[in-house]
Protein backbone atom coordinates (compact mmCIF):
# COMPACT_ATOMS: atom_id res chain seq x y z
CA MET A 1 -15.96 -70.64 -48.21
CA LYS A 2 -13.46 -70.51 -45.01
CA GLU A 3 -12.79 -73.65 -43.11
CA LEU A 4 -10.44 -73.95 -39.16
CA ALA A 5 -7.39 -76.04 -41.79
CA GLY A 6 -5.22 -76.41 -37.46
CA THR A 7 -3.24 -73.43 -36.04
CA CYS A 8 -0.07 -72.97 -36.17
CA LYS A 9 3.08 -75.35 -34.32
CA CYS A 10 4.87 -71.86 -33.34
CA CYS A 11 2.96 -68.81 -32.68
CA GLY A 12 -0.35 -70.63 -32.33
CA LYS A 13 -2.48 -68.52 -34.80
CA GLU A 14 -5.20 -70.42 -36.99
CA ILE A 15 -4.19 -71.78 -39.97
CA TYR A 16 -7.64 -71.66 -42.36
CA CYS A 17 -8.42 -73.75 -45.50
CA LEU A 18 -9.72 -70.68 -48.30
CA ASP A 19 -12.08 -72.20 -50.61
CA GLY A 20 -10.21 -75.66 -50.45
CA PHE A 21 -6.54 -74.23 -50.98
CA PHE A 22 -4.33 -74.45 -46.97
CA ASN A 23 -3.08 -71.03 -46.38
CA GLY A 24 -0.02 -72.82 -44.67
CA ILE A 25 2.39 -74.85 -44.87
CA ILE A 26 3.22 -78.40 -44.19
CA THR A 27 6.54 -79.96 -42.88
CA ASP A 28 7.69 -83.64 -44.49
CA ASP A 29 7.00 -83.87 -40.24
CA LYS A 30 3.48 -82.96 -40.76
CA GLN A 31 3.41 -79.45 -38.34
CA THR A 32 1.65 -76.21 -39.39
CA TYR A 33 3.07 -72.93 -40.45
CA CYS A 34 2.08 -69.75 -41.06
CA PHE A 35 3.62 -68.00 -43.55
CA ASP A 36 5.42 -65.28 -41.35
CA CYS A 37 6.75 -68.17 -38.59
CA HIS A 38 8.02 -70.65 -41.78
CA GLU A 39 9.58 -67.81 -43.42
CA LYS A 40 11.53 -67.10 -39.77
CA ILE A 41 12.57 -70.97 -39.44
CA ASP A 42 13.59 -70.76 -42.82
CA ASN A 43 15.58 -67.79 -42.94
CA VAL A 44 17.24 -68.83 -39.35
CA GLU A 45 18.11 -72.26 -40.59
CA LYS A 46 19.19 -71.13 -44.46
CA ASN A 47 21.86 -68.09 -42.09
CA PRO A 48 21.84 -69.36 -38.89
CA GLN A 49 24.32 -66.42 -38.75
CA SER A 50 21.96 -64.01 -38.45
């Protein structure tokens, strides 16, 4: 089963719940991100000069 759960705050990509598993990341401040955008943001926070 595939159900739309929201959109990525960064790129606007639709994020789905696939068979009961959320296919993205929800941050502590309740923002939703796709895996790709969250990985990019996470890398920038860890290595701001790269």
